[in-house]
Structure formats: C-alpha cells, structure tokens
Amino acid sequence: MTLVPTLVVAFKTVTLALGGVITYLTLKAYRRTGSRSLGALALGFAMVTLGALLAGAAHQAVGLDTESVLLIESVLTAAGFGVITYSLYTE
C-alpha cells in the first residue's frame, strides 16, 4: 500500500471526527434553543459528514470505483452546503 491511500483514510477519519463533533454541538444548540436555523445548520453539517462517511465506506468496504465514490461525496457535500446556506438565511 502506498502512502497516499493511507493519508486519505487518515484525513477522512479526521473529517468524520470533526464533522461529528460539529454536528453534535449544533444539534445540542438546536435542542436548547429550538431555533430553526440551528436545526438546519445541524442537518447541513450532518449531510456533509455523511457524504465523507458513505464515500469512504463505499470505497473501502464495498470496493466501489473512485468516480462513483467522488460522485456520492460531491452530491452529499453540495446538498449539505445548500442546507447550511439556507440556515444562514432563515430565522
């Protein structure tokens, strides 16, 4: 195994950990305040984090090709950022 796949797995793990923490904290803030914008923000971060998780799982466990993995991650990342953008404009 070369260095690049090992680094990709390491950085995906960091992404999942940090994304999970951010999602947890925004969800906790949403539950405390009931703010719709914080709920949408939590959902957006969860979608971005889920994209990294599903892409990694599809590649490592299922053996999906790189193009399909990139598509999965890109769709969920774009959708997540769309929800995050919505959260910034909602009351």
PDB file of N, CA and C in Angstrom:
ATOM      1  N   MET A   1       0.854  -1.179   0.000  1.00  0.00           N
ATOM      2  CA  MET A   1       0.000   0.000   0.000  1.00  0.00           C
ATOM      3  C   MET A   1       0.900   1.242   0.000  1.00  0.00           C
ATOM      4  N   THR A   2       0.544   2.198  -0.854  1.00  0.00           N
ATOM      5  CA  THR A   2       1.343   3.419  -0.931  1.00  0.00           C
ATOM      6  C   THR A   2       0.905   4.396   0.155  1.00  0.00           C
ATOM      7  N   LEU A   3       1.619   5.476   0.259  1.00  0.00           N
ATOM      8  CA  LEU A   3       1.359   6.474   1.286  1.00  0.00           C
ATOM      9  C   LEU A   3       0.048   7.227   1.057  1.00  0.00           C
ATOM     10  N   VAL A   4      -0.304   7.482  -0.188  1.00  0.00           N
ATOM     11  CA  VAL A   4      -1.486   8.291  -0.497  1.00  0.00           C
ATOM     12  C   VAL A   4      -2.780   7.660   0.036  1.00  0.00           C
ATOM     13  N   PRO A   5      -3.072   6.379  -0.223  1.00  0.00           N
ATOM     14  CA  PRO A   5      -4.306   5.812   0.343  1.00  0.00           C
ATOM     15  C   PRO A   5      -4.336   5.855   1.874  1.00  0.00           C
ATOM     16  N   THR A   6      -3.202   5.666   2.494  1.00  0.00           N
ATOM     17  CA  THR A   6      -3.141   5.742   3.954  1.00  0.00           C
ATOM     18  C   THR A   6      -3.461   7.153   4.437  1.00  0.00           C
ATOM     19  N   LEU A   7      -2.920   8.151   3.749  1.00  0.00           N
ATOM     20  CA  LEU A   7      -3.214   9.537   4.111  1.00  0.00           C
ATOM     21  C   LEU A   7      -4.680   9.888   3.878  1.00  0.00           C
ATOM     22  N   VAL A   8      -5.259   9.380   2.791  1.00  0.00           N
ATOM     23  CA  VAL A   8      -6.677   9.631   2.511  1.00  0.00           C
ATOM     24  C   VAL A   8      -7.536   9.067   3.641  1.00  0.00           C
ATOM     25  N   VAL A   9      -7.264   7.837   4.059  1.00  0.00           N
ATOM     26  CA  VAL A   9      -8.020   7.229   5.156  1.00  0.00           C
ATOM     27  C   VAL A   9      -7.826   8.036   6.439  1.00  0.00           C
ATOM     28  N   ALA A  10      -6.609   8.469   6.704  1.00  0.00           N
ATOM     29  CA  ALA A  10      -6.342   9.253   7.915  1.00  0.00           C
ATOM     30  C   ALA A  10      -7.110  10.573   7.903  1.00  0.00           C
ATOM     31  N   PHE A  11      -7.084  11.286   6.782  1.00  0.00           N
ATOM     32  CA  PHE A  11      -7.783  12.563   6.708  1.00  0.00           C
ATOM     33  C   PHE A  11      -9.304  12.391   6.681  1.00  0.00           C
ATOM     34  N   LYS A  12      -9.799  11.320   6.095  1.00  0.00           N
ATOM     35  CA  LYS A  12     -11.243  11.038   6.151  1.00  0.00           C
ATOM     36  C   LYS A  12     -11.664  10.779   7.588  1.00  0.00           C
ATOM     37  N   THR A  13     -10.814  10.095   8.349  1.00  0.00           N
ATOM     38  CA  THR A  13     -11.109   9.833   9.758  1.00  0.00           C
ATOM     39  C   THR A  13     -11.167  11.140  10.541  1.00  0.00           C
ATOM     40  N   VAL A  14     -10.236  12.033  10.290  1.00  0.00           N
ATOM     41  CA  VAL A  14     -10.249  13.344  10.944  1.00  0.00           C
ATOM     42  C   VAL A  14     -11.503  14.126  10.534  1.00  0.00           C
ATOM     43  N   THR A  15     -11.851  14.068   9.258  1.00  0.00           N
ATOM     44  CA  THR A  15     -13.055  14.742   8.765  1.00  0.00           C
ATOM     45  C   THR A  15     -14.303  14.209   9.456  1.00  0.00           C
ATOM     46  N   LEU A  16     -14.400  12.900   9.584  1.00  0.00           N
ATOM     47  CA  LEU A  16     -15.555  12.301  10.257  1.00  0.00           C
ATOM     48  C   LEU A  16     -15.605  12.701  11.728  1.00  0.00           C
ATOM     49  N   ALA A  17     -14.475  12.689  12.395  1.00  0.00           N
ATOM     50  CA  ALA A  17     -14.444  13.053  13.814  1.00  0.00           C
ATOM     51  C   ALA A  17     -14.848  14.512  14.015  1.00  0.00           C
ATOM     52  N   LEU A  18     -14.238  15.413  13.262  1.00  0.00           N
ATOM     53  CA  LEU A  18     -14.566  16.835  13.409  1.00  0.00           C
ATOM     54  C   LEU A  18     -15.989  17.138  12.948  1.00  0.00           C
ATOM     55  N   GLY A  19     -16.409  16.524  11.858  1.00  0.00           N
ATOM     56  CA  GLY A  19     -17.784  16.708  11.389  1.00  0.00           C
ATOM     57  C   GLY A  19     -18.790  16.196  12.398  1.00  0.00           C
ATOM     58  N   GLY A  20     -18.470  15.081  13.027  1.00  0.00           N
ATOM     59  CA  GLY A  20     -19.352  14.542  14.067  1.00  0.00           C
ATOM     60  C   GLY A  20     -19.456  15.471  15.264  1.00  0.00           C
ATOM     61  N   VAL A  21     -18.333  16.043  15.676  1.00  0.00           N
ATOM     62  CA  VAL A  21     -18.344  16.980  16.807  1.00  0.00           C
ATOM     63  C   VAL A  21     -19.147  18.233  16.458  1.00  0.00           C
ATOM     64  N   ILE A  22     -18.911  18.796  15.274  1.00  0.00           N
ATOM     65  CA  ILE A  22     -19.645  19.994  14.854  1.00  0.00           C
ATOM     66  C   ILE A  22     -21.145  19.700  14.764  1.00  0.00           C
ATOM     67  N   THR A  23     -21.497  18.563  14.191  1.00  0.00           N
ATOM     68  CA  THR A  23     -22.908  18.190  14.085  1.00  0.00           C
ATOM     69  C   THR A  23     -23.525  18.039  15.466  1.00  0.00           C
ATOM     70  N   TYR A  24     -22.823  17.366  16.364  1.00  0.00           N
ATOM     71  CA  TYR A  24     -23.324  17.175  17.732  1.00  0.00           C
ATOM     72  C   TYR A  24     -23.536  18.519  18.433  1.00  0.00           C
ATOM     73  N   LEU A  25     -22.568  19.412  18.325  1.00  0.00           N
ATOM     74  CA  LEU A  25     -22.681  20.700  19.015  1.00  0.00           C
ATOM     75  C   LEU A  25     -23.812  21.551  18.448  1.00  0.00           C
ATOM     76  N   THR A  26     -23.985  21.550  17.126  1.00  0.00           N
ATOM     77  CA  THR A  26     -25.080  22.334  16.546  1.00  0.00           C
ATOM     78  C   THR A  26     -26.433  21.711  16.868  1.00  0.00           C
ATOM     79  N   LEU A  27     -26.492  20.376  16.919  1.00  0.00           N
ATOM     80  CA  LEU A  27     -27.740  19.714  17.303  1.00  0.00           C
ATOM     81  C   LEU A  27     -28.082  20.017  18.763  1.00  0.00           C
ATOM     82  N   LYS A  28     -27.085  20.010  19.610  1.00  0.00           N
ATOM     83  CA  LYS A  28     -27.269  20.335  21.028  1.00  0.00           C
ATOM     84  C   LYS A  28     -27.786  21.773  21.186  1.00  0.00           C
ATOM     85  N   ALA A  29     -27.205  22.714  20.420  1.00  0.00           N
ATOM     86  CA  ALA A  29     -27.650  24.108  20.458  1.00  0.00           C
ATOM     87  C   ALA A  29     -29.082  24.232  19.941  1.00  0.00           C
ATOM     88  N   TYR A  30     -29.407  23.468  18.891  1.00  0.00           N
ATOM     89  CA  TYR A  30     -30.770  23.483  18.361  1.00  0.00           C
ATOM     90  C   TYR A  30     -31.766  22.998  19.407  1.00  0.00           C
ATOM     91  N   ARG A  31     -31.441  21.907  20.078  1.00  0.00           N
ATOM     92  CA  ARG A  31     -32.348  21.372  21.096  1.00  0.00           C
ATOM     93  C   ARG A  31     -32.527  22.341  22.263  1.00  0.00           C
ATOM     94  N   ARG A  32     -31.473  23.064  22.589  1.00  0.00           N
ATOM     95  CA  ARG A  32     -31.533  24.011  23.700  1.00  0.00           C
ATOM     96  C   ARG A  32     -32.360  25.237  23.335  1.00  0.00           C
ATOM     97  N   THR A  33     -32.226  25.714  22.087  1.00  0.00           N
ATOM     98  CA  THR A  33     -32.880  26.962  21.700  1.00  0.00           C
ATOM     99  C   THR A  33     -34.147  26.767  20.877  1.00  0.00           C
ATOM    100  N   GLY A  34     -34.249  25.659  20.163  1.00  0.00           N
ATOM    101  CA  GLY A  34     -35.389  25.441  19.279  1.00  0.00           C
ATOM    102  C   GLY A  34     -35.323  26.262  17.999  1.00  0.00           C
ATOM    103  N   SER A  35     -34.191  26.878  17.721  1.00  0.00           N
ATOM    104  CA  SER A  35     -34.023  27.726  16.547  1.00  0.00           C
ATOM    105  C   SER A  35     -34.005  26.891  15.261  1.00  0.00           C
ATOM    106  N   ARG A  36     -34.886  27.251  14.332  1.00  0.00           N
ATOM    107  CA  ARG A  36     -34.933  26.541  13.043  1.00  0.00           C
ATOM    108  C   ARG A  36     -33.615  26.624  12.291  1.00  0.00           C
ATOM    109  N   SER A  37     -32.970  27.775  12.365  1.00  0.00           N
ATOM    110  CA  SER A  37     -31.712  27.943  11.639  1.00  0.00           C
ATOM    111  C   SER A  37     -30.628  27.025  12.203  1.00  0.00           C
ATOM    112  N   LEU A  38     -30.592  26.827  13.514  1.00  0.00           N
ATOM    113  CA  LEU A  38     -29.616  25.897  14.099  1.00  0.00           C
ATOM    114  C   LEU A  38     -29.950  24.451  13.733  1.00  0.00           C
ATOM    115  N   GLY A  39     -31.226  24.142  13.632  1.00  0.00           N
ATOM    116  CA  GLY A  39     -31.625  22.799  13.197  1.00  0.00           C
ATOM    117  C   GLY A  39     -31.178  22.529  11.771  1.00  0.00           C
ATOM    118  N   ALA A  40     -31.356  23.520  10.903  1.00  0.00           N
ATOM    119  CA  ALA A  40     -30.919  23.371   9.511  1.00  0.00           C
ATOM    120  C   ALA A  40     -29.395  23.297   9.432  1.00  0.00           C
ATOM    121  N   LEU A  41     -28.722  24.075  10.263  1.00  0.00           N
ATOM    122  CA  LEU A  41     -27.258  24.038  10.283  1.00  0.00           C
ATOM    123  C   LEU A  41     -26.764  22.654  10.698  1.00  0.00           C
ATOM    124  N   ALA A  42     -27.383  22.075  11.721  1.00  0.00           N
ATOM    125  CA  ALA A  42     -27.015  20.723  12.163  1.00  0.00           C
ATOM    126  C   ALA A  42     -27.249  19.709  11.045  1.00  0.00           C
ATOM    127  N   LEU A  43     -28.378  19.827  10.353  1.00  0.00           N
ATOM    128  CA  LEU A  43     -28.676  18.925   9.245  1.00  0.00           C
ATOM    129  C   LEU A  43     -27.645  19.064   8.126  1.00  0.00           C
ATOM    130  N   GLY A  44     -27.273  20.295   7.809  1.00  0.00           N
ATOM    131  CA  GLY A  44     -26.288  20.530   6.754  1.00  0.00           C
ATOM    132  C   GLY A  44     -24.936  19.909   7.084  1.00  0.00           C
ATOM    133  N   PHE A  45     -24.478  20.116   8.308  1.00  0.00           N
ATOM    134  CA  PHE A  45     -23.203  19.513   8.714  1.00  0.00           C
ATOM    135  C   PHE A  45     -23.297  17.995   8.741  1.00  0.00           C
ATOM    136  N   ALA A  46     -24.443  17.483   9.144  1.00  0.00           N
ATOM    137  CA  ALA A  46     -24.627  16.025   9.150  1.00  0.00           C
ATOM    138  C   ALA A  46     -24.556  15.461   7.734  1.00  0.00           C
ATOM    139  N   MET A  47     -25.125  16.172   6.764  1.00  0.00           N
ATOM    140  CA  MET A  47     -25.094  15.705   5.373  1.00  0.00           C
ATOM    141  C   MET A  47     -23.675  15.708   4.820  1.00  0.00           C
ATOM    142  N   VAL A  48     -22.908  16.763   5.118  1.00  0.00           N
ATOM    143  CA  VAL A  48     -21.524  16.830   4.643  1.00  0.00           C
ATOM    144  C   VAL A  48     -20.710  15.690   5.271  1.00  0.00           C
ATOM    145  N   THR A  49     -20.905  15.479   6.564  1.00  0.00           N
ATOM    146  CA  THR A  49     -20.192  14.409   7.262  1.00  0.00           C
ATOM    147  C   THR A  49     -20.619  13.044   6.748  1.00  0.00           C
ATOM    148  N   LEU A  50     -21.911  12.868   6.503  1.00  0.00           N
ATOM    149  CA  LEU A  50     -22.415  11.609   5.972  1.00  0.00           C
ATOM    150  C   LEU A  50     -21.821  11.316   4.593  1.00  0.00           C
ATOM    151  N   GLY A  51     -21.633  12.368   3.797  1.00  0.00           N
ATOM    152  CA  GLY A  51     -21.019  12.190   2.479  1.00  0.00           C
ATOM    153  C   GLY A  51     -19.621  11.604   2.587  1.00  0.00           C
ATOM    154  N   ALA A  52     -18.843  12.106   3.536  1.00  0.00           N
ATOM    155  CA  ALA A  52     -17.492  11.574   3.738  1.00  0.00           C
ATOM    156  C   ALA A  52     -17.551  10.132   4.226  1.00  0.00           C
ATOM    157  N   LEU A  53     -18.480   9.856   5.128  1.00  0.00           N
ATOM    158  CA  LEU A  53     -18.621   8.500   5.668  1.00  0.00           C
ATOM    159  C   LEU A  53     -19.050   7.504   4.595  1.00  0.00           C
ATOM    160  N   LEU A  54     -20.088   7.843   3.846  1.00  0.00           N
ATOM    161  CA  LEU A  54     -20.582   6.931   2.815  1.00  0.00           C
ATOM    162  C   LEU A  54     -19.572   6.730   1.693  1.00  0.00           C
ATOM    163  N   ALA A  55     -18.884   7.791   1.321  1.00  0.00           N
ATOM    164  CA  ALA A  55     -17.880   7.663   0.265  1.00  0.00           C
ATOM    165  C   ALA A  55     -16.749   6.745   0.720  1.00  0.00           C
ATOM    166  N   GLY A  56     -16.288   6.942   1.928  1.00  0.00           N
ATOM    167  CA  GLY A  56     -15.226   6.090   2.455  1.00  0.00           C
ATOM    168  C   GLY A  56     -15.657   4.643   2.582  1.00  0.00           C
ATOM    169  N   ALA A  57     -16.873   4.430   3.076  1.00  0.00           N
ATOM    170  CA  ALA A  57     -17.390   3.071   3.231  1.00  0.00           C
ATOM    171  C   ALA A  57     -17.588   2.409   1.868  1.00  0.00           C
ATOM    172  N   ALA A  58     -18.106   3.173   0.914  1.00  0.00           N
ATOM    173  CA  ALA A  58     -18.337   2.616  -0.420  1.00  0.00           C
ATOM    174  C   ALA A  58     -17.022   2.204  -1.074  1.00  0.00           C
ATOM    175  N   HIS A  59     -15.986   2.959  -0.815  1.00  0.00           N
ATOM    176  CA  HIS A  59     -14.690   2.645  -1.423  1.00  0.00           C
ATOM    177  C   HIS A  59     -13.977   1.515  -0.689  1.00  0.00           C
ATOM    178  N   GLN A  60     -13.912   1.586   0.630  1.00  0.00           N
ATOM    179  CA  GLN A  60     -13.145   0.621   1.412  1.00  0.00           C
ATOM    180  C   GLN A  60     -13.878  -0.708   1.581  1.00  0.00           C
ATOM    181  N   ALA A  61     -15.152  -0.668   1.935  1.00  0.00           N
ATOM    182  CA  ALA A  61     -15.886  -1.894   2.250  1.00  0.00           C
ATOM    183  C   ALA A  61     -16.524  -2.542   1.024  1.00  0.00           C
ATOM    184  N   VAL A  62     -17.095  -1.724   0.159  1.00  0.00           N
ATOM    185  CA  VAL A  62     -17.833  -2.252  -0.992  1.00  0.00           C
ATOM    186  C   VAL A  62     -16.944  -2.362  -2.221  1.00  0.00           C
ATOM    187  N   GLY A  63     -15.891  -1.552  -2.285  1.00  0.00           N
ATOM    188  CA  GLY A  63     -14.990  -1.591  -3.429  1.00  0.00           C
ATOM    189  C   GLY A  63     -15.494  -0.823  -4.635  1.00  0.00           C
ATOM    190  N   LEU A  64     -16.333   0.175  -4.391  1.00  0.00           N
ATOM    191  CA  LEU A  64     -16.860   0.997  -5.480  1.00  0.00           C
ATOM    192  C   LEU A  64     -15.716   1.771  -6.139  1.00  0.00           C
ATOM    193  N   ASP A  65     -15.846   2.012  -7.421  1.00  0.00           N
ATOM    194  CA  ASP A  65     -14.790   2.717  -8.147  1.00  0.00           C
ATOM    195  C   ASP A  65     -14.696   4.172  -7.692  1.00  0.00           C
ATOM    196  N   THR A  66     -13.558   4.769  -7.960  1.00  0.00           N
ATOM    197  CA  THR A  66     -13.250   6.118  -7.489  1.00  0.00           C
ATOM    198  C   THR A  66     -14.234   7.162  -8.009  1.00  0.00           C
ATOM    199  N   GLU A  67     -14.640   7.057  -9.261  1.00  0.00           N
ATOM    200  CA  GLU A  67     -15.571   8.044  -9.829  1.00  0.00           C
ATOM    201  C   GLU A  67     -16.920   8.012  -9.115  1.00  0.00           C
ATOM    202  N   SER A  68     -17.427   6.826  -8.819  1.00  0.00           N
ATOM    203  CA  SER A  68     -18.702   6.706  -8.111  1.00  0.00           C
ATOM    204  C   SER A  68     -18.595   7.242  -6.689  1.00  0.00           C
ATOM    205  N   VAL A  69     -17.475   6.961  -6.045  1.00  0.00           N
ATOM    206  CA  VAL A  69     -17.245   7.448  -4.686  1.00  0.00           C
ATOM    207  C   VAL A  69     -17.206   8.972  -4.670  1.00  0.00           C
ATOM    208  N   LEU A  70     -16.517   9.564  -5.634  1.00  0.00           N
ATOM    209  CA  LEU A  70     -16.458  11.022  -5.727  1.00  0.00           C
ATOM    210  C   LEU A  70     -17.837  11.618  -5.988  1.00  0.00           C
ATOM    211  N   LEU A  71     -18.643  10.937  -6.785  1.00  0.00           N
ATOM    212  CA  LEU A  71     -19.995  11.411  -7.061  1.00  0.00           C
ATOM    213  C   LEU A  71     -20.839  11.408  -5.794  1.00  0.00           C
ATOM    214  N   ILE A  72     -20.791  10.317  -5.033  1.00  0.00           N
ATOM    215  CA  ILE A  72     -21.542  10.227  -3.773  1.00  0.00           C
ATOM    216  C   ILE A  72     -21.147  11.360  -2.840  1.00  0.00           C
ATOM    217  N   GLU A  73     -19.852  11.523  -2.653  1.00  0.00           N
ATOM    218  CA  GLU A  73     -19.368  12.551  -1.735  1.00  0.00           C
ATOM    219  C   GLU A  73     -19.728  13.952  -2.226  1.00  0.00           C
ATOM    220  N   SER A  74     -19.587  14.188  -3.517  1.00  0.00           N
ATOM    221  CA  SER A  74     -19.876  15.512  -4.071  1.00  0.00           C
ATOM    222  C   SER A  74     -21.355  15.875  -3.948  1.00  0.00           C
ATOM    223  N   VAL A  75     -22.241  14.921  -4.217  1.00  0.00           N
ATOM    224  CA  VAL A  75     -23.684  15.190  -4.119  1.00  0.00           C
ATOM    225  C   VAL A  75     -24.068  15.532  -2.689  1.00  0.00           C
ATOM    226  N   LEU A  76     -23.605  14.731  -1.726  1.00  0.00           N
ATOM    227  CA  LEU A  76     -23.964  14.997  -0.332  1.00  0.00           C
ATOM    228  C   LEU A  76     -23.297  16.261   0.199  1.00  0.00           C
ATOM    229  N   THR A  77     -22.094  16.542  -0.248  1.00  0.00           N
ATOM    230  CA  THR A  77     -21.426  17.778   0.174  1.00  0.00           C
ATOM    231  C   THR A  77     -22.163  18.993  -0.380  1.00  0.00           C
ATOM    232  N   ALA A  78     -22.518  18.967  -1.651  1.00  0.00           N
ATOM    233  CA  ALA A  78     -23.250  20.089  -2.255  1.00  0.00           C
ATOM    234  C   ALA A  78     -24.608  20.278  -1.584  1.00  0.00           C
ATOM    235  N   ALA A  79     -25.323  19.183  -1.343  1.00  0.00           N
ATOM    236  CA  ALA A  79     -26.626  19.278  -0.671  1.00  0.00           C
ATOM    237  C   ALA A  79     -26.456  19.811   0.746  1.00  0.00           C
ATOM    238  N   GLY A  80     -25.433  19.329   1.446  1.00  0.00           N
ATOM    239  CA  GLY A  80     -25.183  19.799   2.811  1.00  0.00           C
ATOM    240  C   GLY A  80     -24.866  21.277   2.852  1.00  0.00           C
ATOM    241  N   PHE A  81     -24.026  21.728   1.933  1.00  0.00           N
ATOM    242  CA  PHE A  81     -23.716  23.159   1.891  1.00  0.00           C
ATOM    243  C   PHE A  81     -24.936  23.984   1.479  1.00  0.00           C
ATOM    244  N   GLY A  82     -25.807  23.414   0.659  1.00  0.00           N
ATOM    245  CA  GLY A  82     -27.063  24.099   0.332  1.00  0.00           C
ATOM    246  C   GLY A  82     -27.920  24.291   1.574  1.00  0.00           C
ATOM    247  N   VAL A  83     -28.011  23.265   2.413  1.00  0.00           N
ATOM    248  CA  VAL A  83     -28.786  23.361   3.656  1.00  0.00           C
ATOM    249  C   VAL A  83     -28.110  24.339   4.621  1.00  0.00           C
ATOM    250  N   ILE A  84     -26.784  24.323   4.685  1.00  0.00           N
ATOM    251  CA  ILE A  84     -26.069  25.270   5.547  1.00  0.00           C
ATOM    252  C   ILE A  84     -26.332  26.705   5.079  1.00  0.00           C
ATOM    253  N   THR A  85     -26.304  26.921   3.770  1.00  0.00           N
ATOM    254  CA  THR A  85     -26.602  28.245   3.235  1.00  0.00           C
ATOM    255  C   THR A  85     -28.022  28.661   3.599  1.00  0.00           C
ATOM    256  N   TYR A  86     -28.973  27.756   3.458  1.00  0.00           N
ATOM    257  CA  TYR A  86     -30.360  28.030   3.860  1.00  0.00           C
ATOM    258  C   TYR A  86     -30.416  28.429   5.331  1.00  0.00           C
ATOM    259  N   SER A  87     -29.658  27.724   6.179  1.00  0.00           N
ATOM    260  CA  SER A  87     -29.696  28.005   7.619  1.00  0.00           C
ATOM    261  C   SER A  87     -29.230  29.420   7.936  1.00  0.00           C
ATOM    262  N   LEU A  88     -28.390  29.975   7.093  1.00  0.00           N
ATOM    263  CA  LEU A  88     -27.902  31.328   7.332  1.00  0.00           C
ATOM    264  C   LEU A  88     -28.913  32.399   6.964  1.00  0.00           C
ATOM    265  N   TYR A  89     -29.922  32.030   6.171  1.00  0.00           N
ATOM    266  CA  TYR A  89     -30.931  32.985   5.734  1.00  0.00           C
ATOM    267  C   TYR A  89     -32.281  32.826   6.414  1.00  0.00           C
ATOM    268  N   THR A  90     -32.429  31.773   7.206  1.00  0.00           N
ATOM    269  CA  THR A  90     -33.716  31.539   7.867  1.00  0.00           C
ATOM    270  C   THR A  90     -33.684  32.083   9.290  1.00  0.00           C
ATOM    271  N   GLU A  91     -34.826  32.382   9.792  1.00  0.00           N
ATOM    272  CA  GLU A  91     -34.940  32.915  11.155  1.00  0.00           C
ATOM    273  C   GLU A  91     -35.139  31.814  12.145  1.00  0.00           C
TER     274      GLU A  91
END
